Amino acid sequence: MTLDYYETLELNRDATDADIKKAYRRLALKFHPSSNRKPGSSEKFTQLSEAYDVLSDPKKKAIYDKFGEEGLKGGIPPEFGNDGAWSCKYTYHGRPDKTFRQFFGGDNPFADFHTNEAPLRFGGLQHVVVKTQDPPVERDLHLSLEELFHGCTKQIKICRRELTEDTQSSIIRQKIQSIDINPGLKEGTRIIFFKEGDQGPNNIPADIVFIVRQKNHPQFKRQDNDLIYKAHVSLEMALTGFSVDVETLDGRLLTIPINDIVHPMSRKLVSGEGMPLSQDPSQKGNLIITFHIHFPERLSPEQRYLIKKALK
């Protein structure tokens, strides 16, 4: 859909930078989802944010004024530019809340002010408190390989300071937060609960971030979506063949025949027996079997003779 950015902000083409800021401030507060739940208000809020993003930037505004939306989003040819190259094509990032926060300095301007101008009170200008968000609170979430294989739901207790109704005092409350772990989730994944940190009169609560940490497993090591299994075999088995029994994370017993001669760097790949893919749990990585060969500590003269004879 083609937008007329000036019409969206209810401005004339000769609007000044101050006019643009004033128009966005008024309309963004009017159509913000927190204050307007009428049908279409969310779309209008996004259009306002895109219009302000363009018209508040002198370079974008100049291109738009001369070449319109087509030139702004499609790029302008070299003959109209200063550096002999096509201009960069503009694409709005699609996050009107980001534009809103950058303009007002926080998520909820309604709590402290309704314009960016210092409000007048009896006694002159009054200081406006601009709330800033506390830094994220990070916690490790330790999970077994079985939990990451099957998926699970973890119940986590969160203690937070909450403001009372008068907003001048606070109390500590406990909250049980459910965390859904999807099959195949990888170590290091960050699970975020937005603004669940301590409340305060002059702050935006921090985000609580749980970071997935995988516990060691006695049988497998994980490598991305693959599972590594180390089989211990004798030299006789390595030379003459054998089979490996592997109990999978879902309780099945795999018997894998090894018919080739095995050396310390050998690997046996079993397709589709690894970890589920987090984006599609019906698909799995591979099971990779490595080998630790146990050599005999000593050989009798007869055994040495027989081995030499066999290997000639």
Protein backbone atom coordinates (compact mmCIF):
# COMPACT_ATOMS: atom_id res chain seq x y z
CA MET A 1 0.00 0.00 0.00
CA THR A 2 1.34 3.44 -0.98
CA LEU A 3 1.66 5.92 1.88
CA ASP A 4 1.71 9.69 1.70
CA TYR A 5 3.89 10.36 4.74
CA TYR A 6 2.81 14.00 5.03
CA GLU A 7 -0.87 13.09 4.82
CA THR A 8 -0.36 10.31 7.37
CA LEU A 9 1.04 12.82 9.88
CA GLU A 10 -1.60 15.41 8.83
CA LEU A 11 1.09 17.82 7.65
CA ASN A 12 1.71 20.18 4.74
CA ARG A 13 4.73 19.68 2.48
CA ASP A 14 6.46 22.72 3.99
CA ALA A 15 6.33 21.28 7.53
CA THR A 16 9.38 21.98 9.68
CA ASP A 17 11.24 19.45 11.80
CA ALA A 18 9.44 20.80 14.87
CA ASP A 19 6.08 20.36 13.09
CA ILE A 20 6.95 16.73 12.27
CA LYS A 21 7.89 15.95 15.88
CA LYS A 22 4.78 17.65 17.22
CA ALA A 23 2.49 15.79 14.81
CA TYR A 24 4.03 12.39 15.56
CA ARG A 25 3.88 13.03 19.32
CA ARG A 26 0.17 13.87 19.16
CA LEU A 27 -0.90 11.08 16.81
CA ALA A 28 1.33 8.36 18.28
CA LEU A 29 -0.20 8.95 21.71
CA LYS A 30 -3.67 8.95 20.17
CA PHE A 31 -3.27 5.66 18.28
CA HIS A 32 -0.90 3.81 20.60
CA PRO A 33 -2.29 0.29 21.37
CA SER A 34 -2.24 1.12 25.10
CA SER A 35 -4.73 3.95 24.66
CA ASN A 36 -6.69 3.05 21.52
CA ARG A 37 -8.18 -0.39 20.93
CA LYS A 38 -10.44 0.58 18.02
CA PRO A 39 -10.18 -1.51 14.81
CA GLY A 40 -7.41 -0.21 12.57
CA SER A 41 -5.59 1.72 15.28
CA SER A 42 -2.65 -0.72 15.30
CA GLU A 43 -2.18 -0.36 11.53
CA LYS A 44 -2.46 3.42 11.84
CA PHE A 45 0.16 3.39 14.62
CA THR A 46 2.57 1.49 12.34
CA GLN A 47 1.97 3.93 9.45
CA LEU A 48 2.62 6.91 11.74
CA SER A 49 5.88 5.38 12.92
CA GLU A 50 7.11 4.73 9.37
CA ALA A 51 6.16 8.26 8.30
CA TYR A 52 8.06 9.76 11.23
CA ASP A 53 11.07 7.47 10.61
CA VAL A 54 11.36 8.91 7.09
CA LEU A 55 10.46 12.57 7.60
CA SER A 56 12.58 13.01 10.73
CA ASP A 57 15.71 11.90 8.84
CA PRO A 58 17.02 14.72 6.58
CA LYS A 59 18.52 12.36 3.97
CA LYS A 60 15.46 10.11 3.71
CA LYS A 61 13.18 13.16 3.67
CA ALA A 62 15.16 14.79 0.84
CA ILE A 63 14.95 11.64 -1.31
CA TYR A 64 11.24 11.23 -0.55
CA ASP A 65 10.48 14.90 -1.31
CA LYS A 66 12.20 14.67 -4.71
CA PHE A 67 11.51 11.12 -5.85
CA GLY A 68 8.55 9.98 -3.75
CA GLU A 69 8.03 6.61 -2.11
CA GLU A 70 9.13 4.76 -5.28
CA GLY A 71 12.53 6.44 -5.29
CA LEU A 72 12.94 6.03 -1.52
CA LYS A 73 12.18 2.31 -1.47
CA GLY A 74 13.45 1.41 -4.93
CA GLY A 75 16.64 3.48 -4.94
CA ILE A 76 17.60 6.40 -7.17
CA PRO A 77 20.01 6.06 -10.14
CA PRO A 78 23.64 7.29 -10.02
CA GLU A 79 23.07 10.41 -12.06
CA PHE A 80 20.98 11.85 -9.24
CA GLY A 81 23.37 10.84 -6.45
CA ASN A 82 26.65 12.33 -5.27
CA ASP A 83 28.84 9.22 -5.18
CA GLY A 84 28.15 7.63 -8.57
CA ALA A 85 26.11 4.77 -7.12
CA TRP A 86 22.48 3.94 -6.60
CA SER A 87 21.12 5.13 -3.28
CA CYS A 88 20.37 2.54 -0.63
CA LYS A 89 16.82 1.24 -0.78
CA TYR A 90 14.78 2.12 2.29
CA THR A 91 12.81 -0.51 4.18
CA TYR A 92 11.03 0.28 7.42
CA HIS A 93 12.09 -2.14 10.17
CA GLY A 94 8.43 -2.85 11.00
CA ARG A 95 8.73 -2.21 14.74
CA PRO A 96 6.61 0.83 15.58
CA ASP A 97 7.23 0.21 19.30
CA LYS A 98 10.96 0.75 18.68
CA THR A 99 10.33 4.10 16.98
CA PHE A 100 7.95 5.03 19.81
CA ARG A 101 10.51 4.17 22.54
CA GLN A 102 13.28 6.06 20.78
CA PHE A 103 11.09 9.15 20.55
CA PHE A 104 9.67 9.13 24.08
CA GLY A 105 12.60 7.51 25.87
CA GLY A 106 10.54 4.63 27.29
CA ASP A 107 7.63 2.24 26.79
CA ASN A 108 4.99 4.13 28.76
CA PRO A 109 5.02 7.91 28.37
CA PHE A 110 1.48 8.01 29.73
CA ALA A 111 2.81 7.37 33.23
CA ASP A 112 4.84 10.59 33.35
CA PHE A 113 3.96 12.94 30.52
CA HIS A 114 1.87 13.41 27.41
CA THR A 115 4.28 15.53 25.40
CA ASN A 116 8.02 15.92 25.14
CA GLU A 117 7.73 19.44 26.47
CA ALA A 118 8.27 20.10 30.19
CA PRO A 119 4.77 20.50 31.66
CA LEU A 120 3.82 23.79 33.27
CA ARG A 121 2.67 23.71 36.89
CA PHE A 122 1.96 26.38 39.47
CA GLY A 123 5.43 27.45 40.46
CA GLY A 124 7.04 27.12 37.04
CA LEU A 125 8.65 24.23 35.15
CA GLN A 126 8.58 20.82 36.78
CA HIS A 127 11.18 18.11 36.26
CA VAL A 128 9.98 15.20 34.10
CA VAL A 129 11.27 11.75 35.05
CA VAL A 130 12.14 9.67 32.00
CA LYS A 131 12.05 6.01 32.95
CA THR A 132 14.83 3.72 31.81
CA GLN A 133 14.77 -0.05 31.86
CA ASP A 134 16.95 -1.97 34.26
CA PRO A 135 19.56 -4.28 32.65
CA PRO A 136 18.45 -7.89 32.02
CA VAL A 137 18.63 -10.37 34.88
CA GLU A 138 20.21 -13.58 33.55
CA ARG A 139 19.79 -17.03 35.10
CA ASP A 140 21.06 -20.43 33.98
CA LEU A 141 18.45 -23.10 33.26
CA HIS A 142 20.10 -26.51 33.60
CA LEU A 143 18.42 -29.26 31.56
CA SER A 144 19.24 -32.91 30.99
CA LEU A 145 19.84 -34.23 27.50
CA GLU A 146 16.64 -36.28 27.85
CA GLU A 147 14.63 -33.12 28.61
CA LEU A 148 16.11 -31.41 25.56
CA PHE A 149 15.40 -34.50 23.44
CA HIS A 150 11.75 -34.96 24.41
CA GLY A 151 10.83 -31.40 25.38
CA CYS A 152 9.30 -30.56 28.73
CA THR A 153 7.72 -27.84 30.85
CA LYS A 154 9.72 -26.42 33.76
CA GLN A 155 8.13 -24.56 36.67
CA ILE A 156 10.44 -21.78 37.88
CA LYS A 157 9.88 -19.67 40.98
CA ILE A 158 10.50 -15.95 40.47
CA CYS A 159 10.67 -13.50 43.37
CA ARG A 160 10.12 -9.88 42.41
CA ARG A 161 9.49 -6.56 44.10
CA GLU A 162 6.09 -5.13 43.15
CA LEU A 163 4.70 -1.67 43.79
CA THR A 164 1.64 -1.33 45.99
CA GLU A 165 -1.39 0.66 44.88
CA ASP A 166 0.01 3.92 46.18
CA THR A 167 3.15 3.31 44.00
CA GLN A 168 5.29 4.65 46.85
CA SER A 169 6.02 1.38 48.64
CA SER A 170 6.65 -2.18 47.50
CA ILE A 171 6.38 -5.79 48.62
CA ILE A 172 8.13 -9.01 47.62
CA ARG A 173 5.93 -11.49 45.80
CA GLN A 174 6.66 -14.98 44.51
CA LYS A 175 5.46 -16.12 41.12
CA ILE A 176 5.64 -19.52 39.44
CA GLN A 177 6.60 -19.13 35.79
CA SER A 178 6.11 -21.97 33.31
CA ILE A 179 8.82 -22.44 30.69
CA ASP A 180 7.99 -24.63 27.70
CA ILE A 181 11.08 -26.42 26.38
CA ASN A 182 10.65 -27.51 22.78
CA PRO A 183 12.37 -30.72 21.60
CA GLY A 184 15.83 -30.06 20.19
CA LEU A 185 16.42 -26.72 21.96
CA LYS A 186 20.13 -25.91 21.91
CA GLU A 187 22.45 -24.90 24.71
CA GLY A 188 22.77 -21.14 24.97
CA THR A 189 19.19 -20.48 23.86
CA ARG A 190 17.84 -17.41 25.67
CA ILE A 191 14.25 -17.56 26.94
CA ILE A 192 13.04 -14.05 27.80
CA PHE A 193 10.23 -12.95 30.11
CA PHE A 194 9.80 -9.28 29.36
CA LYS A 195 9.62 -6.79 32.26
CA GLU A 196 9.32 -9.44 35.00
CA GLY A 197 12.05 -7.84 37.13
CA ASP A 198 11.63 -5.62 40.19
CA GLN A 199 9.21 -2.74 39.89
CA GLY A 200 10.07 0.75 41.06
CA PRO A 201 8.53 4.21 40.82
CA ASN A 202 11.18 5.49 38.41
CA ASN A 203 12.26 2.41 36.46
CA ILE A 204 11.05 0.01 33.82
CA PRO A 205 11.34 -3.56 35.19
CA ALA A 206 14.20 -5.62 33.81
CA ASP A 207 13.68 -8.56 31.48
CA ILE A 208 14.28 -11.94 33.11
CA VAL A 209 16.42 -14.10 30.81
CA PHE A 210 16.87 -17.85 31.26
CA ILE A 211 19.87 -19.30 29.42
CA VAL A 212 19.69 -23.00 28.55
CA ARG A 213 22.61 -25.01 29.96
CA GLN A 214 22.90 -28.70 29.08
CA LYS A 215 23.91 -31.15 31.79
CA ASN A 216 26.60 -33.74 31.06
CA HIS A 217 25.29 -37.11 29.92
CA PRO A 218 27.01 -40.42 30.80
CA GLN A 219 26.50 -41.91 27.34
CA PHE A 220 26.24 -39.16 24.72
CA LYS A 221 27.88 -35.89 23.83
CA ARG A 222 25.92 -33.44 21.76
CA GLN A 223 27.39 -31.73 18.69
CA ASP A 224 24.82 -29.35 17.24
CA ASN A 225 22.01 -31.76 16.22
CA ASP A 226 24.20 -34.89 16.28
CA LEU A 227 24.83 -37.28 19.18
CA ILE A 228 28.32 -38.69 19.70
CA TYR A 229 28.64 -42.15 21.26
CA LYS A 230 32.02 -43.67 22.14
CA ALA A 231 32.26 -47.47 21.84
CA HIS A 232 35.01 -49.30 23.73
CA VAL A 233 36.35 -52.29 21.74
CA SER A 234 39.24 -54.71 21.98
CA LEU A 235 41.95 -54.98 19.33
CA GLU A 236 40.53 -58.35 18.33
CA MET A 237 37.09 -56.81 17.75
CA ALA A 238 38.59 -53.88 15.85
CA LEU A 239 40.30 -56.27 13.44
CA THR A 240 37.66 -58.96 13.05
CA GLY A 241 34.32 -57.17 13.31
CA PHE A 242 31.63 -56.83 15.97
CA SER A 243 28.34 -55.06 16.70
CA VAL A 244 27.58 -52.09 18.97
CA ASP A 245 24.46 -51.91 21.14
CA VAL A 246 23.26 -48.36 21.81
CA GLU A 247 20.28 -47.49 24.00
CA THR A 248 18.67 -44.35 22.54
CA LEU A 249 17.30 -41.40 24.52
CA ASP A 250 13.76 -42.61 23.78
CA GLY A 251 14.44 -46.10 25.17
CA ARG A 252 15.07 -48.12 22.01
CA LEU A 253 18.01 -50.51 21.61
CA LEU A 254 19.98 -50.15 18.39
CA THR A 255 22.31 -52.93 17.27
CA ILE A 256 24.79 -51.56 14.74
CA PRO A 257 27.03 -54.08 12.92
CA ILE A 258 30.65 -53.01 12.31
CA ASN A 259 32.16 -55.10 9.53
CA ASP A 260 35.08 -52.91 8.49
CA ILE A 261 38.43 -52.81 10.26
CA VAL A 262 38.27 -50.10 12.93
CA HIS A 263 41.15 -47.72 13.64
CA PRO A 264 41.29 -44.94 16.27
CA MET A 265 39.97 -42.32 13.81
CA SER A 266 37.09 -44.45 12.52
CA ARG A 267 33.53 -43.11 12.73
CA LYS A 268 30.24 -44.85 12.04
CA LEU A 269 27.30 -42.63 11.10
CA VAL A 270 23.73 -43.75 11.79
CA SER A 271 21.35 -41.38 10.02
CA GLY A 272 18.33 -39.89 11.80
CA GLU A 273 19.20 -41.10 15.32
CA GLY A 274 20.43 -37.79 16.75
CA MET A 275 18.64 -34.86 18.39
CA PRO A 276 15.36 -33.47 17.05
CA LEU A 277 15.69 -30.29 15.01
CA SER A 278 14.16 -27.46 17.03
CA GLN A 279 12.52 -25.93 13.93
CA ASP A 280 11.10 -29.33 12.88
CA PRO A 281 11.16 -31.99 15.64
CA SER A 282 10.02 -34.67 13.18
CA GLN A 283 13.52 -34.45 11.65
CA LYS A 284 16.61 -35.58 13.58
CA GLY A 285 20.37 -35.26 13.35
CA ASN A 286 22.70 -38.25 13.24
CA LEU A 287 24.17 -40.68 15.72
CA ILE A 288 27.95 -40.78 15.30
CA ILE A 289 29.83 -43.69 16.84
CA THR A 290 33.51 -43.21 17.62
CA PHE A 291 35.83 -45.94 18.88
CA HIS A 292 38.27 -46.35 21.72
CA ILE A 293 40.44 -49.40 21.00
CA HIS A 294 41.92 -51.23 23.98
CA PHE A 295 45.30 -52.72 23.06
CA PRO A 296 46.66 -55.67 25.06
CA GLU A 297 49.25 -54.75 27.67
CA ARG A 298 51.47 -57.76 26.82
CA LEU A 299 51.69 -60.68 24.38
CA SER A 300 53.26 -64.09 24.80
CA PRO A 301 55.87 -65.24 22.25
CA GLU A 302 53.33 -67.64 20.81
CA GLN A 303 50.74 -64.86 20.40
CA ARG A 304 53.30 -62.63 18.72
CA TYR A 305 54.18 -65.42 16.32
CA LEU A 306 50.56 -66.09 15.46
CA ILE A 307 49.78 -62.40 14.90
CA LYS A 308 52.82 -61.97 12.65
CA LYS A 309 51.81 -65.08 10.73
CA ALA A 310 48.21 -63.88 10.37
CA LEU A 311 49.18 -60.44 9.17
CA LYS A 312 51.76 -61.49 6.60
